[in-house]
N, C-alpha and C. Protein backbone atom coordinates (compact mmCIF):
# COMPACT_ATOMS: atom_id res chain seq x y z
N MET A 1 5.14 16.51 -4.21
CA MET A 1 3.78 16.11 -3.86
C MET A 1 3.23 15.23 -4.97
N GLN A 2 2.68 14.11 -4.61
CA GLN A 2 2.07 13.23 -5.59
C GLN A 2 0.58 13.19 -5.34
N GLN A 3 -0.20 13.48 -6.39
CA GLN A 3 -1.66 13.53 -6.23
C GLN A 3 -2.29 12.43 -7.07
N THR A 4 -3.12 11.63 -6.43
CA THR A 4 -3.86 10.59 -7.14
C THR A 4 -5.28 10.56 -6.58
N ILE A 5 -6.24 10.61 -7.47
CA ILE A 5 -7.62 10.41 -7.05
C ILE A 5 -7.92 8.94 -7.29
N ALA A 6 -8.05 8.19 -6.21
CA ALA A 6 -8.09 6.74 -6.33
C ALA A 6 -9.42 6.22 -6.83
N HIS A 7 -10.49 6.96 -6.59
CA HIS A 7 -11.79 6.42 -6.98
C HIS A 7 -12.77 7.58 -7.08
N ILE A 8 -13.28 7.84 -8.27
CA ILE A 8 -14.28 8.87 -8.42
C ILE A 8 -15.52 8.26 -9.05
N SER A 9 -16.59 8.98 -9.03
CA SER A 9 -17.83 8.48 -9.59
C SER A 9 -18.31 9.41 -10.69
N LEU A 10 -18.73 8.83 -11.82
CA LEU A 10 -19.32 9.59 -12.91
C LEU A 10 -20.77 9.15 -13.08
N LEU A 11 -21.65 10.10 -13.21
CA LEU A 11 -23.06 9.82 -13.42
C LEU A 11 -23.30 9.63 -14.91
N VAL A 12 -23.94 8.52 -15.28
CA VAL A 12 -24.14 8.19 -16.69
C VAL A 12 -25.61 7.87 -16.96
N ARG A 13 -26.03 8.02 -18.22
CA ARG A 13 -27.40 7.67 -18.61
C ARG A 13 -27.59 6.17 -18.66
N ASP A 14 -26.57 5.49 -19.22
CA ASP A 14 -26.73 4.08 -19.55
C ASP A 14 -25.38 3.37 -19.37
N TYR A 15 -25.39 2.29 -18.62
CA TYR A 15 -24.14 1.58 -18.36
C TYR A 15 -23.46 1.10 -19.64
N ASP A 16 -24.23 0.46 -20.52
CA ASP A 16 -23.62 -0.10 -21.72
C ASP A 16 -23.03 0.98 -22.62
N GLU A 17 -23.72 2.12 -22.71
CA GLU A 17 -23.20 3.25 -23.48
C GLU A 17 -21.89 3.75 -22.88
N ALA A 18 -21.87 3.87 -21.56
CA ALA A 18 -20.66 4.34 -20.88
C ALA A 18 -19.52 3.35 -21.04
N ILE A 19 -19.80 2.06 -20.84
CA ILE A 19 -18.75 1.05 -21.00
C ILE A 19 -18.21 1.07 -22.42
N GLY A 20 -19.09 1.20 -23.40
CA GLY A 20 -18.65 1.26 -24.80
C GLY A 20 -17.72 2.42 -25.05
N PHE A 21 -18.01 3.57 -24.45
CA PHE A 21 -17.15 4.74 -24.67
C PHE A 21 -15.82 4.59 -23.93
N TYR A 22 -15.87 4.34 -22.63
CA TYR A 22 -14.63 4.32 -21.85
C TYR A 22 -13.75 3.12 -22.18
N VAL A 23 -14.36 1.94 -22.34
CA VAL A 23 -13.57 0.74 -22.63
C VAL A 23 -13.29 0.62 -24.13
N GLY A 24 -14.34 0.73 -24.94
CA GLY A 24 -14.17 0.54 -26.38
C GLY A 24 -13.44 1.67 -27.08
N THR A 25 -13.80 2.92 -26.76
CA THR A 25 -13.22 4.06 -27.46
C THR A 25 -11.92 4.53 -26.82
N LEU A 26 -11.91 4.70 -25.51
CA LEU A 26 -10.73 5.25 -24.84
C LEU A 26 -9.73 4.18 -24.40
N GLY A 27 -10.13 2.92 -24.44
CA GLY A 27 -9.20 1.86 -24.06
C GLY A 27 -9.05 1.66 -22.56
N PHE A 28 -10.03 2.12 -21.78
CA PHE A 28 -10.00 1.86 -20.34
C PHE A 28 -10.17 0.36 -20.10
N GLU A 29 -9.76 -0.09 -18.93
CA GLU A 29 -9.92 -1.49 -18.56
C GLU A 29 -11.19 -1.65 -17.73
N LEU A 30 -11.99 -2.66 -18.06
CA LEU A 30 -13.19 -2.96 -17.27
C LEU A 30 -12.75 -3.77 -16.06
N ILE A 31 -12.85 -3.17 -14.88
CA ILE A 31 -12.40 -3.82 -13.65
C ILE A 31 -13.50 -4.70 -13.06
N GLU A 32 -14.73 -4.18 -13.07
CA GLU A 32 -15.84 -4.93 -12.49
C GLU A 32 -17.14 -4.53 -13.17
N ASP A 33 -17.97 -5.51 -13.42
CA ASP A 33 -19.32 -5.28 -13.93
C ASP A 33 -20.22 -6.29 -13.23
N SER A 34 -20.79 -5.87 -12.11
CA SER A 34 -21.58 -6.77 -11.28
C SER A 34 -23.02 -6.29 -11.14
N PRO A 35 -23.93 -6.93 -11.88
CA PRO A 35 -25.34 -6.58 -11.70
C PRO A 35 -25.80 -6.98 -10.29
N ARG A 36 -26.58 -6.13 -9.67
CA ARG A 36 -27.14 -6.42 -8.34
C ARG A 36 -28.64 -6.16 -8.39
N PRO A 37 -29.37 -7.06 -9.08
CA PRO A 37 -30.81 -6.83 -9.29
C PRO A 37 -31.60 -6.73 -7.99
N GLU A 38 -31.14 -7.42 -6.96
CA GLU A 38 -31.87 -7.37 -5.69
C GLU A 38 -31.85 -5.96 -5.09
N ALA A 39 -30.82 -5.19 -5.43
CA ALA A 39 -30.71 -3.81 -4.92
C ALA A 39 -31.08 -2.80 -6.00
N GLY A 40 -31.41 -3.30 -7.19
CA GLY A 40 -31.72 -2.41 -8.29
C GLY A 40 -30.52 -1.62 -8.76
N LYS A 41 -29.32 -2.21 -8.63
CA LYS A 41 -28.08 -1.50 -8.97
C LYS A 41 -27.20 -2.36 -9.84
N ARG A 42 -26.19 -1.73 -10.38
CA ARG A 42 -25.15 -2.42 -11.13
C ARG A 42 -23.84 -1.73 -10.78
N TRP A 43 -22.85 -2.49 -10.38
CA TRP A 43 -21.57 -1.95 -9.95
C TRP A 43 -20.60 -2.07 -11.13
N VAL A 44 -20.28 -0.93 -11.75
CA VAL A 44 -19.38 -0.93 -12.90
C VAL A 44 -18.19 -0.03 -12.58
N VAL A 45 -17.00 -0.62 -12.66
CA VAL A 45 -15.78 0.13 -12.38
C VAL A 45 -14.84 -0.02 -13.57
N VAL A 46 -14.32 1.11 -14.05
CA VAL A 46 -13.35 1.10 -15.14
C VAL A 46 -12.10 1.84 -14.68
N ALA A 47 -10.98 1.55 -15.33
CA ALA A 47 -9.72 2.22 -14.97
C ALA A 47 -8.99 2.64 -16.24
N PRO A 48 -8.38 3.81 -16.19
CA PRO A 48 -7.60 4.27 -17.34
C PRO A 48 -6.43 3.34 -17.60
N PRO A 49 -5.98 3.27 -18.85
CA PRO A 49 -4.80 2.44 -19.14
C PRO A 49 -3.61 2.94 -18.34
N GLY A 50 -2.95 2.03 -17.64
CA GLY A 50 -1.80 2.42 -16.82
C GLY A 50 -2.19 3.29 -15.64
N GLY A 51 -3.41 3.12 -15.14
CA GLY A 51 -3.95 4.01 -14.11
C GLY A 51 -3.38 3.84 -12.72
N SER A 52 -2.49 2.89 -12.52
CA SER A 52 -1.85 2.70 -11.22
C SER A 52 -2.84 2.64 -10.07
N GLY A 53 -3.94 1.93 -10.26
CA GLY A 53 -4.90 1.75 -9.19
C GLY A 53 -6.04 2.76 -9.18
N ALA A 54 -5.92 3.83 -9.94
CA ALA A 54 -7.03 4.79 -10.01
C ALA A 54 -8.17 4.15 -10.79
N SER A 55 -9.39 4.50 -10.43
CA SER A 55 -10.52 3.91 -11.13
C SER A 55 -11.72 4.84 -11.09
N ILE A 56 -12.71 4.54 -11.93
CA ILE A 56 -13.93 5.33 -12.01
C ILE A 56 -15.12 4.41 -11.81
N LEU A 57 -15.99 4.78 -10.90
CA LEU A 57 -17.25 4.07 -10.71
C LEU A 57 -18.29 4.75 -11.59
N LEU A 58 -18.91 3.98 -12.48
CA LEU A 58 -19.97 4.50 -13.33
C LEU A 58 -21.30 4.28 -12.63
N ALA A 59 -21.97 5.36 -12.28
CA ALA A 59 -23.23 5.29 -11.55
C ALA A 59 -24.35 5.76 -12.46
N ARG A 60 -25.36 4.92 -12.66
CA ARG A 60 -26.44 5.27 -13.59
C ARG A 60 -27.37 6.30 -12.98
N ALA A 61 -27.72 7.29 -13.78
CA ALA A 61 -28.69 8.30 -13.36
C ALA A 61 -30.08 7.67 -13.41
N VAL A 62 -30.83 7.83 -12.33
CA VAL A 62 -32.17 7.23 -12.29
C VAL A 62 -33.28 8.26 -12.07
N GLY A 63 -33.01 9.28 -11.27
CA GLY A 63 -34.05 10.26 -10.99
C GLY A 63 -34.12 11.34 -12.05
N PRO A 64 -35.26 11.99 -12.19
CA PRO A 64 -35.41 13.05 -13.18
C PRO A 64 -34.38 14.15 -13.03
N GLU A 65 -34.04 14.48 -11.77
CA GLU A 65 -33.07 15.55 -11.55
C GLU A 65 -31.67 15.12 -11.98
N GLN A 66 -31.37 13.82 -11.85
CA GLN A 66 -30.08 13.32 -12.30
C GLN A 66 -30.05 13.23 -13.82
N LEU A 67 -31.11 12.69 -14.41
CA LEU A 67 -31.15 12.55 -15.87
C LEU A 67 -31.01 13.90 -16.55
N ALA A 68 -31.60 14.94 -15.96
CA ALA A 68 -31.52 16.28 -16.55
C ALA A 68 -30.09 16.80 -16.53
N ALA A 69 -29.29 16.37 -15.55
CA ALA A 69 -27.93 16.88 -15.41
C ALA A 69 -26.93 16.16 -16.30
N VAL A 70 -27.22 14.92 -16.65
CA VAL A 70 -26.26 14.12 -17.41
C VAL A 70 -26.14 14.64 -18.84
N GLY A 71 -24.92 14.90 -19.25
CA GLY A 71 -24.67 15.32 -20.62
C GLY A 71 -25.00 16.77 -20.88
N ASN A 72 -25.31 17.53 -19.85
CA ASN A 72 -25.66 18.93 -20.05
C ASN A 72 -24.73 19.85 -19.27
N GLN A 73 -23.45 19.64 -19.41
CA GLN A 73 -22.50 20.54 -18.78
C GLN A 73 -22.67 21.91 -19.44
N THR A 74 -22.77 22.94 -18.65
CA THR A 74 -23.03 24.27 -19.21
C THR A 74 -21.80 25.16 -19.11
N GLY A 75 -20.71 24.67 -19.63
CA GLY A 75 -19.50 25.47 -19.66
C GLY A 75 -18.65 25.35 -18.42
N GLY A 76 -19.16 24.74 -17.36
CA GLY A 76 -18.35 24.54 -16.17
C GLY A 76 -17.37 23.41 -16.40
N ARG A 77 -16.13 23.59 -15.97
CA ARG A 77 -15.14 22.54 -16.15
C ARG A 77 -15.38 21.40 -15.17
N VAL A 78 -15.39 20.21 -15.68
CA VAL A 78 -15.35 19.03 -14.83
C VAL A 78 -13.90 18.58 -14.90
N PHE A 79 -13.18 18.67 -13.80
CA PHE A 79 -11.74 18.43 -13.85
C PHE A 79 -11.44 16.94 -13.78
N LEU A 80 -11.31 16.35 -14.93
CA LEU A 80 -10.96 14.95 -15.06
C LEU A 80 -9.67 14.89 -15.87
N PHE A 81 -8.72 14.11 -15.41
CA PHE A 81 -7.41 14.08 -16.05
C PHE A 81 -7.07 12.66 -16.47
N LEU A 82 -6.62 12.51 -17.69
CA LEU A 82 -6.15 11.23 -18.19
C LEU A 82 -4.70 11.42 -18.61
N GLN A 83 -3.81 10.88 -17.81
CA GLN A 83 -2.38 11.04 -18.10
C GLN A 83 -1.91 9.95 -19.04
N THR A 84 -1.03 10.33 -19.94
CA THR A 84 -0.46 9.39 -20.90
C THR A 84 1.06 9.48 -20.88
N ASP A 85 1.71 8.42 -21.30
CA ASP A 85 3.16 8.47 -21.44
C ASP A 85 3.57 8.70 -22.89
N ASP A 86 2.58 8.80 -23.79
CA ASP A 86 2.84 9.08 -25.20
C ASP A 86 1.67 9.90 -25.74
N PHE A 87 1.75 11.20 -25.57
CA PHE A 87 0.65 12.09 -25.89
C PHE A 87 0.20 11.95 -27.34
N TRP A 88 1.13 12.03 -28.28
CA TRP A 88 0.75 12.06 -29.70
C TRP A 88 0.15 10.74 -30.16
N ARG A 89 0.62 9.63 -29.61
CA ARG A 89 0.03 8.32 -29.93
C ARG A 89 -1.44 8.29 -29.50
N ASP A 90 -1.69 8.68 -28.23
CA ASP A 90 -3.05 8.60 -27.72
C ASP A 90 -3.96 9.66 -28.33
N TYR A 91 -3.43 10.83 -28.60
CA TYR A 91 -4.21 11.88 -29.26
C TYR A 91 -4.69 11.38 -30.64
N ALA A 92 -3.79 10.80 -31.41
CA ALA A 92 -4.15 10.28 -32.73
C ALA A 92 -5.16 9.14 -32.61
N ARG A 93 -4.97 8.27 -31.63
CA ARG A 93 -5.87 7.13 -31.44
C ARG A 93 -7.27 7.60 -31.06
N PHE A 94 -7.35 8.57 -30.15
CA PHE A 94 -8.65 9.09 -29.74
C PHE A 94 -9.37 9.77 -30.90
N ARG A 95 -8.63 10.56 -31.66
CA ARG A 95 -9.24 11.25 -32.82
C ARG A 95 -9.75 10.24 -33.83
N ALA A 96 -8.96 9.19 -34.07
CA ALA A 96 -9.38 8.16 -35.02
C ALA A 96 -10.64 7.44 -34.53
N ALA A 97 -10.82 7.39 -33.21
CA ALA A 97 -12.00 6.73 -32.64
C ALA A 97 -13.20 7.67 -32.56
N GLY A 98 -13.03 8.91 -33.00
CA GLY A 98 -14.14 9.85 -33.04
C GLY A 98 -14.30 10.72 -31.81
N VAL A 99 -13.29 10.76 -30.95
CA VAL A 99 -13.37 11.60 -29.76
C VAL A 99 -13.30 13.07 -30.18
N ASN A 100 -14.19 13.88 -29.60
CA ASN A 100 -14.28 15.30 -29.92
C ASN A 100 -13.35 16.11 -29.02
N PHE A 101 -12.29 16.67 -29.60
CA PHE A 101 -11.39 17.53 -28.84
C PHE A 101 -11.87 18.96 -28.93
N VAL A 102 -12.09 19.57 -27.78
CA VAL A 102 -12.60 20.94 -27.75
C VAL A 102 -11.47 21.95 -27.57
N ARG A 103 -10.28 21.47 -27.27
CA ARG A 103 -9.09 22.31 -27.24
C ARG A 103 -7.97 21.53 -27.88
N PRO A 104 -7.36 22.09 -28.93
CA PRO A 104 -6.29 21.36 -29.62
C PRO A 104 -5.05 21.24 -28.74
N PRO A 105 -4.12 20.38 -29.13
CA PRO A 105 -2.90 20.19 -28.33
C PRO A 105 -2.16 21.50 -28.14
N ALA A 106 -1.65 21.66 -26.93
CA ALA A 106 -0.87 22.86 -26.61
C ALA A 106 0.27 22.47 -25.69
N GLU A 107 1.38 23.17 -25.83
CA GLU A 107 2.51 22.98 -24.93
C GLU A 107 2.36 23.96 -23.79
N GLU A 108 2.24 23.44 -22.59
CA GLU A 108 2.15 24.27 -21.40
C GLU A 108 3.41 24.10 -20.57
N VAL A 109 3.54 24.90 -19.54
CA VAL A 109 4.72 24.80 -18.67
C VAL A 109 4.86 23.40 -18.11
N TYR A 110 3.73 22.77 -17.76
CA TYR A 110 3.76 21.47 -17.11
C TYR A 110 3.79 20.30 -18.10
N GLY A 111 3.55 20.55 -19.40
CA GLY A 111 3.58 19.46 -20.37
C GLY A 111 2.64 19.71 -21.54
N THR A 112 2.29 18.66 -22.24
CA THR A 112 1.43 18.74 -23.42
C THR A 112 0.01 18.36 -23.01
N VAL A 113 -0.98 19.14 -23.47
CA VAL A 113 -2.36 18.91 -23.05
C VAL A 113 -3.33 19.21 -24.18
N ALA A 114 -4.40 18.45 -24.25
CA ALA A 114 -5.54 18.73 -25.13
C ALA A 114 -6.78 18.35 -24.34
N VAL A 115 -7.89 19.01 -24.63
CA VAL A 115 -9.12 18.77 -23.87
C VAL A 115 -10.14 18.08 -24.77
N PHE A 116 -10.72 16.99 -24.27
CA PHE A 116 -11.75 16.30 -25.04
C PHE A 116 -13.01 16.16 -24.21
N ARG A 117 -14.11 15.90 -24.90
CA ARG A 117 -15.42 15.76 -24.27
C ARG A 117 -15.86 14.30 -24.39
N ASP A 118 -16.38 13.76 -23.29
CA ASP A 118 -16.88 12.39 -23.36
C ASP A 118 -18.35 12.40 -23.78
N VAL A 119 -18.96 11.21 -23.83
CA VAL A 119 -20.34 11.11 -24.33
C VAL A 119 -21.35 11.77 -23.41
N TYR A 120 -20.94 12.11 -22.19
CA TYR A 120 -21.86 12.75 -21.25
C TYR A 120 -21.56 14.22 -21.05
N GLY A 121 -20.68 14.78 -21.86
CA GLY A 121 -20.39 16.20 -21.79
C GLY A 121 -19.30 16.58 -20.81
N ASN A 122 -18.73 15.60 -20.11
CA ASN A 122 -17.62 15.91 -19.20
C ASN A 122 -16.39 16.29 -20.01
N LEU A 123 -15.63 17.23 -19.50
CA LEU A 123 -14.38 17.64 -20.15
C LEU A 123 -13.20 16.98 -19.46
N TRP A 124 -12.31 16.43 -20.27
CA TRP A 124 -11.12 15.74 -19.79
C TRP A 124 -9.87 16.41 -20.34
N ASP A 125 -8.82 16.45 -19.56
CA ASP A 125 -7.51 16.83 -20.05
C ASP A 125 -6.74 15.56 -20.37
N LEU A 126 -6.39 15.39 -21.64
CA LEU A 126 -5.42 14.35 -22.01
C LEU A 126 -4.07 15.02 -21.89
N LEU A 127 -3.22 14.52 -21.02
CA LEU A 127 -1.97 15.24 -20.80
C LEU A 127 -0.79 14.32 -20.57
N GLN A 128 0.36 14.87 -20.93
CA GLN A 128 1.63 14.22 -20.66
C GLN A 128 2.51 15.23 -19.96
N TYR A 129 2.82 14.96 -18.71
CA TYR A 129 3.65 15.88 -17.94
C TYR A 129 5.09 15.85 -18.44
N ASN A 130 5.74 17.01 -18.35
CA ASN A 130 7.17 17.01 -18.67
C ASN A 130 7.94 16.63 -17.41
N GLY A 131 9.23 16.41 -17.57
CA GLY A 131 10.03 15.90 -16.45
C GLY A 131 10.29 16.91 -15.35
N SER A 132 9.97 18.19 -15.57
CA SER A 132 10.30 19.19 -14.55
C SER A 132 9.20 19.38 -13.53
N VAL A 133 8.08 18.68 -13.71
CA VAL A 133 6.97 18.84 -12.77
C VAL A 133 7.26 18.00 -11.53
N PRO A 134 7.17 18.60 -10.32
CA PRO A 134 7.53 17.86 -9.10
C PRO A 134 6.47 16.87 -8.64
N TYR A 135 5.33 16.77 -9.32
CA TYR A 135 4.29 15.84 -8.95
C TYR A 135 3.70 15.23 -10.20
N ARG A 136 2.98 14.14 -10.01
CA ARG A 136 2.34 13.49 -11.14
C ARG A 136 0.90 13.16 -10.75
N LEU A 137 -0.03 13.65 -11.55
CA LEU A 137 -1.44 13.26 -11.38
C LEU A 137 -1.62 12.06 -12.27
N ARG A 138 -1.67 10.88 -11.69
CA ARG A 138 -1.57 9.66 -12.47
C ARG A 138 -2.80 9.33 -13.28
N ALA A 139 -3.98 9.64 -12.79
CA ALA A 139 -5.17 9.26 -13.52
C ALA A 139 -6.37 10.01 -13.00
N VAL A 140 -7.34 10.15 -13.88
CA VAL A 140 -8.63 10.75 -13.59
C VAL A 140 -8.53 11.98 -12.72
């Protein structure tokens, strides 16, 4: 079984802050940044390095109820996965860029994994699957 989430949406406070973190810090690719002032929107799509078509739509929080939720994860896991083909390279790169890992690297049955937090409090698994896993979660 091969599982890929082709397009998900993350709620963010500020587009430029989000682009700076995902593109500048994590090395994601900026796929689209299209201001749409007539609709009061901005269409921003980023993709993980080597994401094989998977992408993330960054949606700005505008309402008070949305703004209150952004960056305030209360211990609930947000299941976001960033797969790598070189775990230790990317782990070192992320740490050097100031990424906060909330779970240190561990060897699991399915591969090597560490958990980091993004600027909005979402938790991500940085992982490298081992060859015995019958499926691959390619991105996000």
